[in-house]
N, C-alpha and C. Protein backbone atom coordinates (compact mmCIF):
# COMPACT_ATOMS: atom_id res chain seq x y z
N MET A 1 120.34 154.08 180.79
CA MET A 1 119.03 154.25 181.38
C MET A 1 118.78 153.09 182.35
N ARG A 2 118.15 153.43 183.47
CA ARG A 2 117.79 152.39 184.44
C ARG A 2 116.41 152.71 185.01
N ARG A 3 115.81 151.72 185.63
CA ARG A 3 114.48 151.90 186.21
C ARG A 3 114.57 152.80 187.45
N HIS A 4 113.49 153.52 187.69
CA HIS A 4 113.43 154.38 188.88
C HIS A 4 113.55 153.54 190.14
N SER A 5 112.75 152.46 190.23
CA SER A 5 112.81 151.57 191.39
C SER A 5 112.24 150.21 191.01
N THR A 6 113.10 149.24 190.94
CA THR A 6 112.66 147.89 190.59
C THR A 6 111.76 147.32 191.68
N GLY A 7 112.07 147.60 192.94
CA GLY A 7 111.24 147.12 194.05
C GLY A 7 109.84 147.71 194.02
N MET A 8 109.75 148.99 193.68
CA MET A 8 108.44 149.65 193.59
C MET A 8 107.62 149.03 192.46
N MET A 9 108.26 148.78 191.34
CA MET A 9 107.56 148.17 190.21
C MET A 9 107.10 146.76 190.57
N ALA A 10 107.95 145.97 191.20
CA ALA A 10 107.58 144.61 191.58
C ALA A 10 106.45 144.61 192.62
N GLY A 11 106.51 145.53 193.58
CA GLY A 11 105.44 145.65 194.57
C GLY A 11 104.11 146.00 193.92
N GLY A 12 104.13 146.88 192.93
CA GLY A 12 102.91 147.23 192.20
C GLY A 12 102.35 146.05 191.44
N ILE A 13 103.21 145.25 190.84
CA ILE A 13 102.75 144.07 190.12
C ILE A 13 102.10 143.08 191.07
N VAL A 14 102.69 142.89 192.24
CA VAL A 14 102.11 141.98 193.23
C VAL A 14 100.75 142.49 193.69
N MET A 15 100.65 143.80 193.95
CA MET A 15 99.38 144.37 194.40
C MET A 15 98.29 144.21 193.34
N VAL A 16 98.62 144.49 192.11
CA VAL A 16 97.63 144.37 191.03
C VAL A 16 97.23 142.92 190.81
N SER A 17 98.15 141.98 191.08
CA SER A 17 97.80 140.58 190.90
C SER A 17 96.80 140.08 191.94
N PHE A 18 96.65 140.78 193.07
CA PHE A 18 95.67 140.40 194.08
C PHE A 18 94.27 140.97 193.80
N VAL A 19 94.14 141.86 192.84
CA VAL A 19 92.83 142.45 192.51
C VAL A 19 91.82 141.39 192.08
N PRO A 20 92.17 140.45 191.17
CA PRO A 20 91.18 139.43 190.79
C PRO A 20 90.74 138.55 191.96
N ILE A 21 91.64 138.31 192.91
CA ILE A 21 91.27 137.49 194.07
C ILE A 21 90.24 138.21 194.93
N ALA A 22 90.44 139.50 195.14
CA ALA A 22 89.47 140.29 195.92
C ALA A 22 88.12 140.35 195.20
N LEU A 23 88.15 140.52 193.88
CA LEU A 23 86.90 140.54 193.12
C LEU A 23 86.20 139.18 193.15
N LEU A 24 86.97 138.12 193.10
CA LEU A 24 86.39 136.77 193.16
C LEU A 24 85.73 136.53 194.52
N ALA A 25 86.37 136.99 195.60
CA ALA A 25 85.78 136.84 196.92
C ALA A 25 84.46 137.61 197.02
N ALA A 26 84.42 138.81 196.48
CA ALA A 26 83.18 139.61 196.50
C ALA A 26 82.10 138.94 195.66
N TRP A 27 82.47 138.37 194.52
CA TRP A 27 81.49 137.72 193.63
C TRP A 27 80.91 136.47 194.29
N VAL A 28 81.76 135.67 194.91
CA VAL A 28 81.29 134.45 195.58
C VAL A 28 80.37 134.82 196.74
N ALA A 29 80.71 135.85 197.50
CA ALA A 29 79.84 136.29 198.60
C ALA A 29 78.50 136.78 198.07
N ASP A 30 78.51 137.45 196.91
CA ASP A 30 77.26 137.90 196.31
C ASP A 30 76.40 136.71 195.87
N LEU A 31 77.03 135.69 195.31
CA LEU A 31 76.28 134.48 194.94
C LEU A 31 75.69 133.81 196.17
N GLU A 32 76.45 133.73 197.24
CA GLU A 32 75.96 133.12 198.48
C GLU A 32 74.80 133.93 199.06
N GLN A 33 74.91 135.25 199.01
CA GLN A 33 73.82 136.08 199.53
C GLN A 33 72.56 135.93 198.68
N SER A 34 72.72 135.88 197.37
CA SER A 34 71.56 135.69 196.50
C SER A 34 70.91 134.34 196.74
N ASP A 35 71.73 133.31 196.95
CA ASP A 35 71.19 131.99 197.23
C ASP A 35 70.50 131.97 198.59
N CYS A 36 71.04 132.67 199.56
CA CYS A 36 70.44 132.74 200.89
C CYS A 36 69.07 133.42 200.84
N GLU A 37 68.96 134.44 200.00
CA GLU A 37 67.69 135.16 199.87
C GLU A 37 66.68 134.40 199.03
N GLY A 38 67.12 133.38 198.35
CA GLY A 38 66.20 132.55 197.58
C GLY A 38 65.99 132.99 196.15
N ASN A 39 66.76 133.96 195.67
CA ASN A 39 66.58 134.40 194.29
C ASN A 39 67.90 134.35 193.53
N GLY A 40 68.74 133.43 193.87
CA GLY A 40 70.04 133.31 193.23
C GLY A 40 70.07 132.23 192.18
N LEU A 41 71.26 131.85 191.79
CA LEU A 41 71.45 130.83 190.77
C LEU A 41 70.93 129.46 191.21
N PHE A 42 71.00 129.22 192.51
CA PHE A 42 70.66 127.89 193.00
C PHE A 42 69.21 127.78 193.47
N SER A 43 68.44 128.82 193.22
CA SER A 43 67.03 128.81 193.60
C SER A 43 66.24 128.00 192.58
N ILE A 44 65.35 127.15 193.07
CA ILE A 44 64.58 126.29 192.17
C ILE A 44 63.39 127.03 191.58
N ASP A 45 62.62 127.69 192.41
CA ASP A 45 61.40 128.32 191.90
C ASP A 45 61.40 129.84 192.02
N GLY A 46 62.39 130.44 192.65
CA GLY A 46 62.46 131.89 192.76
C GLY A 46 61.43 132.47 193.72
N SER A 47 60.84 131.63 194.56
CA SER A 47 59.80 132.09 195.48
C SER A 47 60.42 132.70 196.73
N GLU A 48 59.66 132.79 197.78
CA GLU A 48 60.11 133.37 199.04
C GLU A 48 61.36 132.65 199.55
N SER A 49 62.09 133.34 200.38
CA SER A 49 63.32 132.78 200.93
C SER A 49 63.00 131.54 201.76
N ARG A 50 63.76 130.50 201.54
CA ARG A 50 63.57 129.27 202.31
C ARG A 50 64.39 129.32 203.60
N ASN A 51 65.14 130.40 203.77
CA ASN A 51 65.98 130.56 204.95
C ASN A 51 65.40 131.63 205.87
N THR A 52 64.17 131.44 206.30
CA THR A 52 63.57 132.42 207.20
C THR A 52 64.29 132.39 208.53
N GLY A 53 64.54 133.55 209.07
CA GLY A 53 65.24 133.65 210.34
C GLY A 53 66.74 133.67 210.20
N VAL A 54 67.27 133.52 208.98
CA VAL A 54 68.71 133.53 208.75
C VAL A 54 69.10 134.93 208.27
N ASP A 55 70.20 135.45 208.80
CA ASP A 55 70.67 136.78 208.42
C ASP A 55 71.43 136.70 207.10
N CYS A 56 70.75 137.02 206.01
CA CYS A 56 71.40 136.98 204.69
C CYS A 56 72.26 138.22 204.46
N GLY A 57 72.14 139.23 205.31
CA GLY A 57 72.94 140.43 205.17
C GLY A 57 74.36 140.27 205.69
N ARG A 58 74.68 139.12 206.23
CA ARG A 58 76.02 138.90 206.77
C ARG A 58 77.09 138.87 205.67
N PHE A 59 76.66 138.74 204.42
CA PHE A 59 77.60 138.71 203.30
C PHE A 59 77.98 140.11 202.83
N ASP A 60 77.25 141.14 203.30
CA ASP A 60 77.51 142.50 202.83
C ASP A 60 78.93 142.95 203.12
N ALA A 61 79.44 142.65 204.29
CA ALA A 61 80.80 143.07 204.65
C ALA A 61 81.83 142.46 203.70
N THR A 62 81.64 141.20 203.34
CA THR A 62 82.57 140.55 202.43
C THR A 62 82.47 141.15 201.04
N ILE A 63 81.25 141.42 200.60
CA ILE A 63 81.06 141.98 199.26
C ILE A 63 81.70 143.36 199.17
N TYR A 64 81.32 144.25 200.09
CA TYR A 64 81.85 145.61 200.03
C TYR A 64 83.34 145.66 200.37
N GLY A 65 83.76 144.81 201.28
CA GLY A 65 85.19 144.75 201.60
C GLY A 65 86.02 144.27 200.43
N GLY A 66 85.53 143.28 199.70
CA GLY A 66 86.24 142.79 198.52
C GLY A 66 86.33 143.84 197.43
N LEU A 67 85.22 144.56 197.21
CA LEU A 67 85.23 145.61 196.20
C LEU A 67 86.15 146.77 196.59
N ALA A 68 86.10 147.16 197.86
CA ALA A 68 86.97 148.25 198.32
C ALA A 68 88.44 147.85 198.27
N THR A 69 88.72 146.62 198.66
CA THR A 69 90.09 146.13 198.61
C THR A 69 90.62 146.10 197.18
N ALA A 70 89.79 145.63 196.24
CA ALA A 70 90.20 145.60 194.84
C ALA A 70 90.48 147.00 194.32
N ALA A 71 89.63 147.96 194.69
CA ALA A 71 89.81 149.34 194.23
C ALA A 71 91.10 149.94 194.79
N VAL A 72 91.37 149.69 196.07
CA VAL A 72 92.58 150.24 196.69
C VAL A 72 93.83 149.59 196.10
N LEU A 73 93.81 148.27 195.95
CA LEU A 73 94.97 147.58 195.38
C LEU A 73 95.27 148.05 193.97
N ALA A 74 94.24 148.22 193.15
CA ALA A 74 94.45 148.70 191.79
C ALA A 74 94.87 150.17 191.79
N GLY A 75 94.24 150.97 192.66
CA GLY A 75 94.55 152.39 192.69
C GLY A 75 95.95 152.71 193.18
N VAL A 76 96.52 151.85 194.00
CA VAL A 76 97.89 152.05 194.49
C VAL A 76 98.89 151.28 193.63
N GLY A 77 98.52 150.08 193.19
CA GLY A 77 99.45 149.24 192.45
C GLY A 77 99.80 149.75 191.07
N ILE A 78 98.82 150.27 190.35
CA ILE A 78 99.07 150.75 188.98
C ILE A 78 100.05 151.93 188.98
N PRO A 79 99.85 152.96 189.83
CA PRO A 79 100.86 154.03 189.84
C PRO A 79 102.24 153.55 190.27
N MET A 80 102.30 152.55 191.17
CA MET A 80 103.60 152.02 191.57
C MET A 80 104.31 151.37 190.39
N ILE A 81 103.56 150.67 189.56
CA ILE A 81 104.16 150.05 188.36
C ILE A 81 104.68 151.12 187.42
N VAL A 82 103.86 152.14 187.19
CA VAL A 82 104.24 153.20 186.25
C VAL A 82 105.44 153.99 186.75
N ILE A 83 105.41 154.41 188.02
CA ILE A 83 106.50 155.22 188.56
C ILE A 83 107.77 154.39 188.73
N GLY A 84 107.63 153.17 189.25
CA GLY A 84 108.81 152.32 189.45
C GLY A 84 109.45 151.88 188.16
N GLY A 85 108.68 151.72 187.11
CA GLY A 85 109.22 151.26 185.84
C GLY A 85 109.72 152.36 184.94
N LYS A 86 109.55 153.61 185.35
CA LYS A 86 109.97 154.74 184.53
C LYS A 86 111.49 154.72 184.36
N LYS A 87 111.94 154.88 183.13
CA LYS A 87 113.37 154.89 182.84
C LYS A 87 113.93 156.28 183.09
N GLU A 88 115.10 156.31 183.72
CA GLU A 88 115.78 157.58 183.96
C GLU A 88 117.28 157.37 183.71
N PRO A 89 117.99 158.44 183.47
CA PRO A 89 119.42 158.29 183.19
C PRO A 89 120.16 157.64 184.35
N ALA A 90 121.12 156.81 184.02
CA ALA A 90 121.89 156.11 185.04
C ALA A 90 122.87 157.04 185.74
N GLY A 91 123.30 158.08 185.10
CA GLY A 91 124.25 159.03 185.68
C GLY A 91 124.46 160.15 184.69
N PHE A 92 125.31 161.08 185.04
CA PHE A 92 125.59 162.15 184.11
C PHE A 92 127.06 162.52 184.19
N ALA A 93 127.53 163.13 183.13
CA ALA A 93 128.92 163.54 183.05
C ALA A 93 129.00 165.06 183.17
N ARG A 94 130.01 165.51 183.86
CA ARG A 94 130.22 166.95 184.02
C ARG A 94 131.60 167.28 183.44
N VAL A 95 131.61 168.23 182.53
CA VAL A 95 132.85 168.68 181.92
C VAL A 95 133.22 170.02 182.56
N THR A 96 134.43 170.09 183.09
CA THR A 96 134.88 171.30 183.78
C THR A 96 136.18 171.79 183.14
N PRO A 97 136.16 173.01 182.63
CA PRO A 97 137.42 173.55 182.10
C PRO A 97 138.34 173.99 183.24
N TRP A 98 139.62 173.90 183.03
CA TRP A 98 140.59 174.35 184.01
C TRP A 98 141.75 175.02 183.29
N ALA A 99 142.39 175.90 183.99
CA ALA A 99 143.53 176.61 183.41
C ALA A 99 144.50 176.99 184.51
N THR A 100 145.77 176.86 184.20
CA THR A 100 146.84 177.31 185.09
C THR A 100 147.77 178.20 184.25
N PRO A 101 148.75 178.81 184.86
CA PRO A 101 149.64 179.65 184.06
C PRO A 101 150.45 178.85 183.03
N HIS A 102 150.58 177.54 183.24
CA HIS A 102 151.41 176.75 182.33
C HIS A 102 150.62 175.77 181.47
N ALA A 103 149.33 175.55 181.76
CA ALA A 103 148.57 174.58 180.97
C ALA A 103 147.07 174.85 181.12
N ALA A 104 146.30 174.22 180.26
CA ALA A 104 144.85 174.33 180.31
C ALA A 104 144.26 173.02 179.80
N GLY A 105 142.98 172.80 180.12
CA GLY A 105 142.35 171.56 179.65
C GLY A 105 140.94 171.44 180.15
N LEU A 106 140.41 170.28 179.95
CA LEU A 106 139.06 169.97 180.39
C LEU A 106 139.11 168.79 181.35
N GLY A 107 138.33 168.87 182.39
CA GLY A 107 138.20 167.75 183.33
C GLY A 107 136.85 167.09 183.15
N LEU A 108 136.80 165.78 183.21
CA LEU A 108 135.57 165.03 183.04
C LEU A 108 135.25 164.31 184.34
N ARG A 109 134.05 164.51 184.88
CA ARG A 109 133.64 163.86 186.11
C ARG A 109 132.33 163.12 185.86
N LEU A 110 132.29 161.84 186.19
CA LEU A 110 131.09 161.02 186.03
C LEU A 110 130.41 160.85 187.38
N ASP A 111 129.14 161.21 187.48
CA ASP A 111 128.35 161.02 188.69
C ASP A 111 127.34 159.91 188.43
N LEU A 112 127.51 158.81 189.12
CA LEU A 112 126.59 157.68 188.90
C LEU A 112 125.63 157.53 190.01
């Protein structure tokens, strides 16, 4: 038995390993946006935004991009791991009978 594709399995593992990085980038951007709006972790009194005139929506692309990237990486990487790691036979043997007027027997052919 051998793996279907070692490269495919390794590529899937690499892709899935980048999912936490994409989620971390989205989470940090969300914290920055909450802080910019004045209602985040770093807000002292939770009152009105102290950043009037600042575009706090600029973090939306990073947040949604990080979430979409994580979903795509996981959605493609996990099947690559499963399909690439699937065990399949390394080869098969074919037995062929033969006969002549003076002899008979079996022939064995290995296809790897």
